[in-house]
PDB file of all heavy atoms in Angstrom:
ATOM      1  N   ALA A   1       0.827  -1.210   0.000  1.00  0.00           N
ATOM      2  CA  ALA A   1       0.000   0.000   0.000  1.00  0.00           C
ATOM      3  C   ALA A   1       0.863   1.263   0.000  1.00  0.00           C
ATOM      4  O   ALA A   1       0.579   2.222  -0.723  1.00  0.00           O
ATOM      5  CB  ALA A   1      -0.928  -0.004   1.205  1.00  0.00           C
ATOM      6  N   ASN A   2       1.925   1.265   0.793  1.00  0.00           N
ATOM      7  CA  ASN A   2       2.811   2.428   0.840  1.00  0.00           C
ATOM      8  C   ASN A   2       3.504   2.648  -0.500  1.00  0.00           C
ATOM      9  O   ASN A   2       3.617   3.779  -0.982  1.00  0.00           O
ATOM     10  CB  ASN A   2       3.856   2.258   1.944  1.00  0.00           C
ATOM     11  CG  ASN A   2       3.301   2.548   3.326  1.00  0.00           C
ATOM     12  OD1 ASN A   2       2.471   3.428   3.497  1.00  0.00           O
ATOM     13  ND2 ASN A   2       3.760   1.796   4.304  1.00  0.00           N
ATOM     14  N   ALA A   3       3.996   1.554  -1.104  1.00  0.00           N
ATOM     15  CA  ALA A   3       4.668   1.673  -2.398  1.00  0.00           C
ATOM     16  C   ALA A   3       3.711   2.183  -3.465  1.00  0.00           C
ATOM     17  O   ALA A   3       4.075   3.024  -4.300  1.00  0.00           O
ATOM     18  CB  ALA A   3       5.247   0.318  -2.803  1.00  0.00           C
ATOM     19  N   LEU A   4       2.474   1.682  -3.442  1.00  0.00           N
ATOM     20  CA  LEU A   4       1.496   2.071  -4.449  1.00  0.00           C
ATOM     21  C   LEU A   4       1.118   3.547  -4.314  1.00  0.00           C
ATOM     22  O   LEU A   4       1.121   4.300  -5.295  1.00  0.00           O
ATOM     23  CB  LEU A   4       0.263   1.180  -4.315  1.00  0.00           C
ATOM     24  CG  LEU A   4      -0.802   1.309  -5.397  1.00  0.00           C
ATOM     25  CD1 LEU A   4      -0.218   1.037  -6.768  1.00  0.00           C
ATOM     26  CD2 LEU A   4      -1.941   0.333  -5.118  1.00  0.00           C
ATOM     27  N   ARG A   5       0.788   3.967  -3.108  1.00  0.00           N
ATOM     28  CA  ARG A   5       0.389   5.360  -2.936  1.00  0.00           C
ATOM     29  C   ARG A   5       1.550   6.309  -3.244  1.00  0.00           C
ATOM     30  O   ARG A   5       1.364   7.351  -3.888  1.00  0.00           O
ATOM     31  CB  ARG A   5      -0.119   5.625  -1.514  1.00  0.00           C
ATOM     32  CG  ARG A   5      -0.555   7.083  -1.337  1.00  0.00           C
ATOM     33  CD  ARG A   5      -1.443   7.289  -0.146  1.00  0.00           C
ATOM     34  NE  ARG A   5      -0.736   7.151   1.112  1.00  0.00           N
ATOM     35  CZ  ARG A   5      -1.327   7.360   2.303  1.00  0.00           C
ATOM     36  NH1 ARG A   5      -2.618   7.698   2.362  1.00  0.00           N
ATOM     37  NH2 ARG A   5      -0.644   7.209   3.411  1.00  0.00           N
ATOM     38  N   SER A   6       2.753   5.953  -2.808  1.00  0.00           N
ATOM     39  CA  SER A   6       3.917   6.785  -3.090  1.00  0.00           C
ATOM     40  C   SER A   6       4.148   6.925  -4.586  1.00  0.00           C
ATOM     41  O   SER A   6       4.450   8.017  -5.088  1.00  0.00           O
ATOM     42  CB  SER A   6       5.156   6.188  -2.426  1.00  0.00           C
ATOM     43  OG  SER A   6       6.314   6.911  -2.761  1.00  0.00           O
ATOM     44  N   GLY A   7       3.993   5.808  -5.332  1.00  0.00           N
ATOM     45  CA  GLY A   7       4.207   5.857  -6.780  1.00  0.00           C
ATOM     46  C   GLY A   7       3.182   6.728  -7.488  1.00  0.00           C
ATOM     47  O   GLY A   7       3.512   7.435  -8.450  1.00  0.00           O
ATOM     48  N   ILE A   8       1.938   6.684  -7.027  1.00  0.00           N
ATOM     49  CA  ILE A   8       0.894   7.520  -7.630  1.00  0.00           C
ATOM     50  C   ILE A   8       1.146   8.994  -7.316  1.00  0.00           C
ATOM     51  O   ILE A   8       0.989   9.870  -8.187  1.00  0.00           O
ATOM     52  CB  ILE A   8      -0.498   7.077  -7.132  1.00  0.00           C
ATOM     53  CG1 ILE A   8      -0.795   5.651  -7.602  1.00  0.00           C
ATOM     54  CG2 ILE A   8      -1.582   8.033  -7.619  1.00  0.00           C
ATOM     55  CD1 ILE A   8      -2.045   5.058  -6.998  1.00  0.00           C
ATOM     56  N   GLU A   9       1.549   9.259  -6.084  1.00  0.00           N
ATOM     57  CA  GLU A   9       1.834  10.647  -5.709  1.00  0.00           C
ATOM     58  C   GLU A   9       3.022  11.202  -6.491  1.00  0.00           C
ATOM     59  O   GLU A   9       3.021  12.378  -6.903  1.00  0.00           O
ATOM     60  CB  GLU A   9       2.103  10.720  -4.208  1.00  0.00           C
ATOM     61  CG  GLU A   9       0.850  10.491  -3.368  1.00  0.00           C
ATOM     62  CD  GLU A   9       1.116  10.506  -1.883  1.00  0.00           C
ATOM     63  OE1 GLU A   9       2.240  10.166  -1.482  1.00  0.00           O
ATOM     64  OE2 GLU A   9       0.199  10.868  -1.131  1.00  0.00           O
ATOM     65  N   GLN A  10       4.033  10.390  -6.731  1.00  0.00           N
ATOM     66  CA  GLN A  10       5.174  10.827  -7.530  1.00  0.00           C
ATOM     67  C   GLN A  10       4.756  11.097  -8.970  1.00  0.00           C
ATOM     68  O   GLN A  10       5.222  12.060  -9.587  1.00  0.00           O
ATOM     69  CB  GLN A  10       6.273   9.773  -7.484  1.00  0.00           C
ATOM     70  CG  GLN A  10       6.953   9.622  -6.123  1.00  0.00           C
ATOM     71  CD  GLN A  10       7.969   8.495  -6.104  1.00  0.00           C
ATOM     72  OE1 GLN A  10       8.428   8.055  -7.150  1.00  0.00           O
ATOM     73  NE2 GLN A  10       8.311   8.025  -4.915  1.00  0.00           N
ATOM     74  N   GLN A  11       3.881  10.252  -9.490  1.00  0.00           N
ATOM     75  CA  GLN A  11       3.448  10.404 -10.882  1.00  0.00           C
ATOM     76  C   GLN A  11       2.659  11.692 -11.091  1.00  0.00           C
ATOM     77  O   GLN A  11       2.833  12.382 -12.104  1.00  0.00           O
ATOM     78  CB  GLN A  11       2.603   9.195 -11.294  1.00  0.00           C
ATOM     79  CG  GLN A  11       2.052   9.248 -12.709  1.00  0.00           C
ATOM     80  CD  GLN A  11       3.135   9.108 -13.762  1.00  0.00           C
ATOM     81  OE1 GLN A  11       4.226   8.604 -13.478  1.00  0.00           O
ATOM     82  NE2 GLN A  11       2.865   9.567 -14.978  1.00  0.00           N
ATOM     83  N   ARG A  12       1.806  12.047 -10.134  1.00  0.00           N
ATOM     84  CA  ARG A  12       0.955  13.231 -10.296  1.00  0.00           C
ATOM     85  C   ARG A  12       1.452  14.444  -9.524  1.00  0.00           C
ATOM     86  O   ARG A  12       0.819  15.498  -9.564  1.00  0.00           O
ATOM     87  CB  ARG A  12      -0.480  12.919  -9.909  1.00  0.00           C
ATOM     88  CG  ARG A  12      -0.677  12.507  -8.454  1.00  0.00           C
ATOM     89  CD  ARG A  12      -2.150  12.350  -8.077  1.00  0.00           C
ATOM     90  NE  ARG A  12      -2.836  11.315  -8.818  1.00  0.00           N
ATOM     91  CZ  ARG A  12      -4.080  10.911  -8.560  1.00  0.00           C
ATOM     92  NH1 ARG A  12      -4.784  11.492  -7.585  1.00  0.00           N
ATOM     93  NH2 ARG A  12      -4.634   9.964  -9.271  1.00  0.00           N
ATOM     94  N   SER A  13       2.549  14.289  -8.756  1.00  0.00           N
ATOM     95  CA  SER A  13       3.121  15.394  -7.960  1.00  0.00           C
ATOM     96  C   SER A  13       2.085  16.014  -7.032  1.00  0.00           C
ATOM     97  O   SER A  13       2.008  17.242  -6.883  1.00  0.00           O
ATOM     98  CB  SER A  13       3.711  16.470  -8.890  1.00  0.00           C
ATOM     99  OG  SER A  13       4.758  15.932  -9.666  1.00  0.00           O
ATOM    100  N   ALA A  14       1.301  15.161  -6.425  1.00  0.00           N
ATOM    101  CA  ALA A  14       0.269  15.615  -5.486  1.00  0.00           C
ATOM    102  C   ALA A  14      -0.021  14.497  -4.503  1.00  0.00           C
ATOM    103  O   ALA A  14       0.156  13.307  -4.809  1.00  0.00           O
ATOM    104  CB  ALA A  14      -1.004  16.012  -6.229  1.00  0.00           C
ATOM    105  N   ALA A  15      -0.448  14.893  -3.310  1.00  0.00           N
ATOM    106  CA  ALA A  15      -0.754  13.907  -2.277  1.00  0.00           C
ATOM    107  C   ALA A  15      -2.029  13.145  -2.619  1.00  0.00           C
ATOM    108  O   ALA A  15      -2.923  13.659  -3.288  1.00  0.00           O
ATOM    109  CB  ALA A  15      -0.899  14.592  -0.927  1.00  0.00           C
ATOM    110  N   VAL A  16      -2.094  11.902  -2.168  1.00  0.00           N
ATOM    111  CA  VAL A  16      -3.272  11.054  -2.330  1.00  0.00           C
ATOM    112  C   VAL A  16      -3.813  10.711  -0.949  1.00  0.00           C
ATOM    113  O   VAL A  16      -3.084  10.165  -0.114  1.00  0.00           O
ATOM    114  CB  VAL A  16      -2.932   9.762  -3.100  1.00  0.00           C
ATOM    115  CG1 VAL A  16      -4.130   8.822  -3.108  1.00  0.00           C
ATOM    116  CG2 VAL A  16      -2.499  10.086  -4.523  1.00  0.00           C
ATOM    117  N   GLU A  17      -5.067  11.044  -0.713  1.00  0.00           N
ATOM    118  CA  GLU A  17      -5.699  10.759   0.578  1.00  0.00           C
ATOM    119  C   GLU A  17      -6.536   9.497   0.540  1.00  0.00           C
ATOM    120  O   GLU A  17      -6.509   8.692   1.461  1.00  0.00           O
ATOM    121  CB  GLU A  17      -6.560  11.950   1.012  1.00  0.00           C
ATOM    122  CG  GLU A  17      -5.778  13.103   1.595  1.00  0.00           C
ATOM    123  CD  GLU A  17      -5.059  12.725   2.880  1.00  0.00           C
ATOM    124  OE1 GLU A  17      -5.651  12.021   3.721  1.00  0.00           O
ATOM    125  OE2 GLU A  17      -3.888  13.119   3.038  1.00  0.00           O
ATOM    126  N   ARG A  18      -7.304   9.311  -0.522  1.00  0.00           N
ATOM    127  CA  ARG A  18      -8.195   8.144  -0.636  1.00  0.00           C
ATOM    128  C   ARG A  18      -7.862   7.359  -1.894  1.00  0.00           C
ATOM    129  O   ARG A  18      -7.774   7.927  -2.975  1.00  0.00           O
ATOM    130  CB  ARG A  18      -9.655   8.582  -0.646  1.00  0.00           C
ATOM    131  CG  ARG A  18     -10.104   9.202   0.681  1.00  0.00           C
ATOM    132  CD  ARG A  18     -11.574   9.503   0.672  1.00  0.00           C
ATOM    133  NE  ARG A  18     -12.007  10.040   1.966  1.00  0.00           N
ATOM    134  CZ  ARG A  18     -13.255  10.379   2.256  1.00  0.00           C
ATOM    135  NH1 ARG A  18     -14.215  10.233   1.334  1.00  0.00           N
ATOM    136  NH2 ARG A  18     -13.554  10.858   3.448  1.00  0.00           N
ATOM    137  N   LEU A  19      -7.713   6.076  -1.694  1.00  0.00           N
ATOM    138  CA  LEU A  19      -7.273   5.226  -2.794  1.00  0.00           C
ATOM    139  C   LEU A  19      -7.924   3.851  -2.668  1.00  0.00           C
ATOM    140  O   LEU A  19      -7.903   3.242  -1.599  1.00  0.00           O
ATOM    141  CB  LEU A  19      -5.740   5.087  -2.742  1.00  0.00           C
ATOM    142  CG  LEU A  19      -5.059   4.135  -3.719  1.00  0.00           C
ATOM    143  CD1 LEU A  19      -5.241   4.614  -5.145  1.00  0.00           C
ATOM    144  CD2 LEU A  19      -3.573   4.015  -3.383  1.00  0.00           C
ATOM    145  N   THR A  20      -8.514   3.390  -3.741  1.00  0.00           N
ATOM    146  CA  THR A  20      -9.034   2.027  -3.820  1.00  0.00           C
ATOM    147  C   THR A  20      -8.460   1.388  -5.070  1.00  0.00           C
ATOM    148  O   THR A  20      -8.689   1.875  -6.187  1.00  0.00           O
ATOM    149  CB  THR A  20     -10.566   1.995  -3.893  1.00  0.00           C
ATOM    150  OG1 THR A  20     -11.111   2.601  -2.706  1.00  0.00           O
ATOM    151  CG2 THR A  20     -11.075   0.556  -3.994  1.00  0.00           C
ATOM    152  N   VAL A  21      -7.698   0.307  -4.899  1.00  0.00           N
ATOM    153  CA  VAL A  21      -7.001  -0.318  -6.020  1.00  0.00           C
ATOM    154  C   VAL A  21      -7.161  -1.833  -5.940  1.00  0.00           C
ATOM    155  O   VAL A  21      -7.062  -2.425  -4.861  1.00  0.00           O
ATOM    156  CB  VAL A  21      -5.497   0.035  -6.008  1.00  0.00           C
ATOM    157  CG1 VAL A  21      -4.748  -0.796  -7.040  1.00  0.00           C
ATOM    158  CG2 VAL A  21      -5.293   1.512  -6.308  1.00  0.00           C
ATOM    159  N   THR A  22      -7.411  -2.442  -7.091  1.00  0.00           N
ATOM    160  CA  THR A  22      -7.429  -3.896  -7.204  1.00  0.00           C
ATOM    161  C   THR A  22      -6.246  -4.329  -8.051  1.00  0.00           C
ATOM    162  O   THR A  22      -6.053  -3.823  -9.161  1.00  0.00           O
ATOM    163  CB  THR A  22      -8.736  -4.393  -7.839  1.00  0.00           C
ATOM    164  OG1 THR A  22      -9.832  -4.057  -6.981  1.00  0.00           O
ATOM    165  CG2 THR A  22      -8.707  -5.905  -8.022  1.00  0.00           C
ATOM    166  N   LEU A  23      -5.441  -5.245  -7.507  1.00  0.00           N
ATOM    167  CA  LEU A  23      -4.284  -5.789  -8.217  1.00  0.00           C
ATOM    168  C   LEU A  23      -4.566  -7.225  -8.620  1.00  0.00           C
ATOM    169  O   LEU A  23      -4.999  -8.038  -7.790  1.00  0.00           O
ATOM    170  CB  LEU A  23      -3.040  -5.755  -7.321  1.00  0.00           C
ATOM    171  CG  LEU A  23      -2.585  -4.391  -6.793  1.00  0.00           C
ATOM    172  CD1 LEU A  23      -1.421  -4.569  -5.827  1.00  0.00           C
ATOM    173  CD2 LEU A  23      -2.185  -3.476  -7.938  1.00  0.00           C
ATOM    174  N   GLN A  24      -4.339  -7.544  -9.897  1.00  0.00           N
ATOM    175  CA  GLN A  24      -4.388  -8.932 -10.352  1.00  0.00           C
ATOM    176  C   GLN A  24      -2.968  -9.474 -10.363  1.00  0.00           C
ATOM    177  O   GLN A  24      -2.036  -8.801 -10.815  1.00  0.00           O
ATOM    178  CB  GLN A  24      -5.009  -9.036 -11.755  1.00  0.00           C
ATOM    179  CG  GLN A  24      -6.512  -8.840 -11.790  1.00  0.00           C
ATOM    180  CD  GLN A  24      -6.895  -7.371 -11.774  1.00  0.00           C
ATOM    181  OE1 GLN A  24      -6.281  -6.559 -12.462  1.00  0.00           O
ATOM    182  NE2 GLN A  24      -7.901  -7.027 -10.998  1.00  0.00           N
ATOM    183  N   LEU A  25      -2.805 -10.712  -9.872  1.00  0.00           N
ATOM    184  CA  LEU A  25      -1.475 -11.307  -9.743  1.00  0.00           C
ATOM    185  C   LEU A  25      -1.377 -12.605 -10.522  1.00  0.00           C
ATOM    186  O   LEU A  25      -2.370 -13.349 -10.641  1.00  0.00           O
ATOM    187  CB  LEU A  25      -1.157 -11.585  -8.267  1.00  0.00           C
ATOM    188  CG  LEU A  25      -1.370 -10.424  -7.277  1.00  0.00           C
ATOM    189  CD1 LEU A  25      -1.015 -10.881  -5.877  1.00  0.00           C
ATOM    190  CD2 LEU A  25      -0.565  -9.207  -7.675  1.00  0.00           C
ATOM    191  N   ASP A  26      -0.177 -12.898 -11.056  1.00  0.00           N
ATOM    192  CA  ASP A  26       0.035 -14.178 -11.717  1.00  0.00           C
ATOM    193  C   ASP A  26       0.444 -15.225 -10.680  1.00  0.00           C
ATOM    194  O   ASP A  26       0.423 -14.966  -9.478  1.00  0.00           O
ATOM    195  CB  ASP A  26       1.065 -14.052 -12.842  1.00  0.00           C
ATOM    196  CG  ASP A  26       2.467 -13.677 -12.338  1.00  0.00           C
ATOM    197  OD1 ASP A  26       2.714 -13.769 -11.116  1.00  0.00           O
ATOM    198  OD2 ASP A  26       3.311 -13.292 -13.170  1.00  0.00           O
ATOM    199  N   GLU A  27       0.822 -16.407 -11.124  1.00  0.00           N
ATOM    200  CA  GLU A  27       1.127 -17.495 -10.196  1.00  0.00           C
ATOM    201  C   GLU A  27       2.392 -17.242  -9.394  1.00  0.00           C
ATOM    202  O   GLU A  27       2.613 -17.884  -8.369  1.00  0.00           O
ATOM    203  CB  GLU A  27       1.240 -18.817 -10.964  1.00  0.00           C
ATOM    204  CG  GLU A  27      -0.093 -19.270 -11.557  1.00  0.00           C
ATOM    205  CD  GLU A  27       0.013 -20.611 -12.237  1.00  0.00           C
ATOM    206  OE1 GLU A  27       1.146 -21.144 -12.333  1.00  0.00           O
ATOM    207  OE2 GLU A  27      -1.027 -21.127 -12.678  1.00  0.00           O
ATOM    208  N   GLN A  28       3.243 -16.317  -9.848  1.00  0.00           N
ATOM    209  CA  GLN A  28       4.436 -15.942  -9.087  1.00  0.00           C
ATOM    210  C   GLN A  28       4.185 -14.680  -8.268  1.00  0.00           C
ATOM    211  O   GLN A  28       5.117 -14.068  -7.752  1.00  0.00           O
ATOM    212  CB  GLN A  28       5.620 -15.704 -10.037  1.00  0.00           C
ATOM    213  CG  GLN A  28       6.247 -16.977 -10.590  1.00  0.00           C
ATOM    214  CD  GLN A  28       5.346 -17.646 -11.625  1.00  0.00           C
ATOM    215  OE1 GLN A  28       4.832 -16.967 -12.524  1.00  0.00           O
ATOM    216  NE2 GLN A  28       5.152 -18.946 -11.507  1.00  0.00           N
ATOM    217  N   HIS A  29       2.910 -14.283  -8.158  1.00  0.00           N
ATOM    218  CA  HIS A  29       2.489 -13.118  -7.382  1.00  0.00           C
ATOM    219  C   HIS A  29       3.087 -11.810  -7.909  1.00  0.00           C
ATOM    220  O   HIS A  29       3.416 -10.910  -7.150  1.00  0.00           O
ATOM    221  CB  HIS A  29       2.827 -13.302  -5.889  1.00  0.00           C
ATOM    222  CG  HIS A  29       2.087 -14.434  -5.264  1.00  0.00           C
ATOM    223  ND1 HIS A  29       2.677 -15.635  -4.975  1.00  0.00           N
ATOM    224  CD2 HIS A  29       0.785 -14.552  -4.891  1.00  0.00           C
ATOM    225  CE1 HIS A  29       1.789 -16.448  -4.440  1.00  0.00           C
ATOM    226  NE2 HIS A  29       0.622 -15.830  -4.366  1.00  0.00           N
ATOM    227  N   ARG A  30       3.194 -11.715  -9.234  1.00  0.00           N
ATOM    228  CA  ARG A  30       3.597 -10.475  -9.873  1.00  0.00           C
ATOM    229  C   ARG A  30       2.352  -9.768 -10.410  1.00  0.00           C
ATOM    230  O   ARG A  30       1.391 -10.416 -10.820  1.00  0.00           O
ATOM    231  CB  ARG A  30       4.592 -10.737 -11.011  1.00  0.00           C
ATOM    232  CG  ARG A  30       5.920 -11.310 -10.529  1.00  0.00           C
ATOM    233  CD  ARG A  30       6.809 -11.709 -11.682  1.00  0.00           C
ATOM    234  NE  ARG A  30       6.181 -12.759 -12.486  1.00  0.00           N
ATOM    235  CZ  ARG A  30       6.856 -13.575 -13.291  1.00  0.00           C
ATOM    236  NH1 ARG A  30       8.171 -13.464 -13.397  1.00  0.00           N
ATOM    237  NH2 ARG A  30       6.225 -14.492 -13.998  1.00  0.00           N
ATOM    238  N   VAL A  31       2.396  -8.442 -10.438  1.00  0.00           N
ATOM    239  CA  VAL A  31       1.237  -7.652 -10.852  1.00  0.00           C
ATOM    240  C   VAL A  31       1.013  -7.798 -12.356  1.00  0.00           C
ATOM    241  O   VAL A  31       1.921  -7.555 -13.164  1.00  0.00           O
ATOM    242  CB  VAL A  31       1.436  -6.166 -10.496  1.00  0.00           C
ATOM    243  CG1 VAL A  31       0.248  -5.345 -10.983  1.00  0.00           C
ATOM    244  CG2 VAL A  31       1.614  -5.996  -8.994  1.00  0.00           C
ATOM    245  N   THR A  32      -0.188  -8.204 -12.734  1.00  0.00           N
ATOM    246  CA  THR A  32      -0.564  -8.295 -14.152  1.00  0.00           C
ATOM    247  C   THR A  32      -1.673  -7.316 -14.508  1.00  0.00           C
ATOM    248  O   THR A  32      -1.961  -7.128 -15.695  1.00  0.00           O
ATOM    249  CB  THR A  32      -1.030  -9.718 -14.495  1.00  0.00           C
ATOM    250  OG1 THR A  32      -2.158 -10.062 -13.667  1.00  0.00           O
ATOM    251  CG2 THR A  32       0.085 -10.728 -14.264  1.00  0.00           C
ATOM    252  N   GLY A  33      -2.288  -6.710 -13.515  1.00  0.00           N
ATOM    253  CA  GLY A  33      -3.349  -5.745 -13.780  1.00  0.00           C
ATOM    254  C   GLY A  33      -3.570  -4.845 -12.588  1.00  0.00           C
ATOM    255  O   GLY A  33      -3.354  -5.246 -11.444  1.00  0.00           O
ATOM    256  N   LEU A  34      -3.969  -3.593 -12.870  1.00  0.00           N
ATOM    257  CA  LEU A  34      -4.200  -2.614 -11.811  1.00  0.00           C
ATOM    258  C   LEU A  34      -5.372  -1.735 -12.217  1.00  0.00           C
ATOM    259  O   LEU A  34      -5.409  -1.209 -13.340  1.00  0.00           O
ATOM    260  CB  LEU A  34      -2.942  -1.766 -11.597  1.00  0.00           C
ATOM    261  CG  LEU A  34      -2.929  -0.743 -10.457  1.00  0.00           C
ATOM    262  CD1 LEU A  34      -1.486  -0.486 -10.009  1.00  0.00           C
ATOM    263  CD2 LEU A  34      -3.587   0.567 -10.865  1.00  0.00           C
ATOM    264  N   SER A  35      -6.353  -1.600 -11.329  1.00  0.00           N
ATOM    265  CA  SER A  35      -7.512  -0.748 -11.604  1.00  0.00           C
ATOM    266  C   SER A  35      -7.995  -0.144 -10.305  1.00  0.00           C
ATOM    267  O   SER A  35      -7.657  -0.630  -9.221  1.00  0.00           O
ATOM    268  CB  SER A  35      -8.638  -1.558 -12.255  1.00  0.00           C
ATOM    269  OG  SER A  35      -9.065  -2.613 -11.387  1.00  0.00           O
ATOM    270  N   GLY A  36      -8.761   0.941 -10.405  1.00  0.00           N
ATOM    271  CA  GLY A  36      -9.300   1.538  -9.199  1.00  0.00           C
ATOM    272  C   GLY A  36      -9.469   3.038  -9.317  1.00  0.00           C
ATOM    273  O   GLY A  36      -9.679   3.586 -10.410  1.00  0.00           O
ATOM    274  N   ASN A  37      -9.337   3.728  -8.183  1.00  0.00           N
ATOM    275  CA  ASN A  37      -9.603   5.154  -8.102  1.00  0.00           C
ATOM    276  C   ASN A  37      -8.712   5.775  -7.041  1.00  0.00           C
ATOM    277  O   ASN A  37      -8.568   5.233  -5.947  1.00  0.00           O
ATOM    278  CB  ASN A  37     -11.088   5.371  -7.754  1.00  0.00           C
ATOM    279  CG  ASN A  37     -11.473   6.824  -7.729  1.00  0.00           C
ATOM    280  OD1 ASN A  37     -11.039   7.576  -6.869  1.00  0.00           O
ATOM    281  ND2 ASN A  37     -12.327   7.214  -8.664  1.00  0.00           N
ATOM    282  N   ALA A  38      -8.088   6.907  -7.382  1.00  0.00           N
ATOM    283  CA  ALA A  38      -7.237   7.634  -6.436  1.00  0.00           C
ATOM    284  C   ALA A  38      -7.705   9.076  -6.384  1.00  0.00           C
ATOM    285  O   ALA A  38      -7.432   9.853  -7.298  1.00  0.00           O
ATOM    286  CB  ALA A  38      -5.774   7.563  -6.858  1.00  0.00           C
ATOM    287  N   ASP A  39      -8.441   9.423  -5.341  1.00  0.00           N
ATOM    288  CA  ASP A  39      -8.997  10.776  -5.194  1.00  0.00           C
ATOM    289  C   ASP A  39      -9.768  11.203  -6.437  1.00  0.00           C
ATOM    290  O   ASP A  39      -9.650  12.336  -6.915  1.00  0.00           O
ATOM    291  CB  ASP A  39      -7.881  11.786  -4.896  1.00  0.00           C
ATOM    292  CG  ASP A  39      -7.375  11.682  -3.467  1.00  0.00           C
ATOM    293  OD1 ASP A  39      -8.078  11.080  -2.632  1.00  0.00           O
ATOM    294  OD2 ASP A  39      -6.274  12.192  -3.184  1.00  0.00           O
TER     295      ASP A  39
END
């Protein structure tokens, strides 16, 4: 959660207060999909 919010804040150069994200993972638990809402 910390890595995700930090990465979004770096991308938009603004703080993120509310975030809902769904991550899809493969069999090695690597991210294959990301969707949701950040502020």
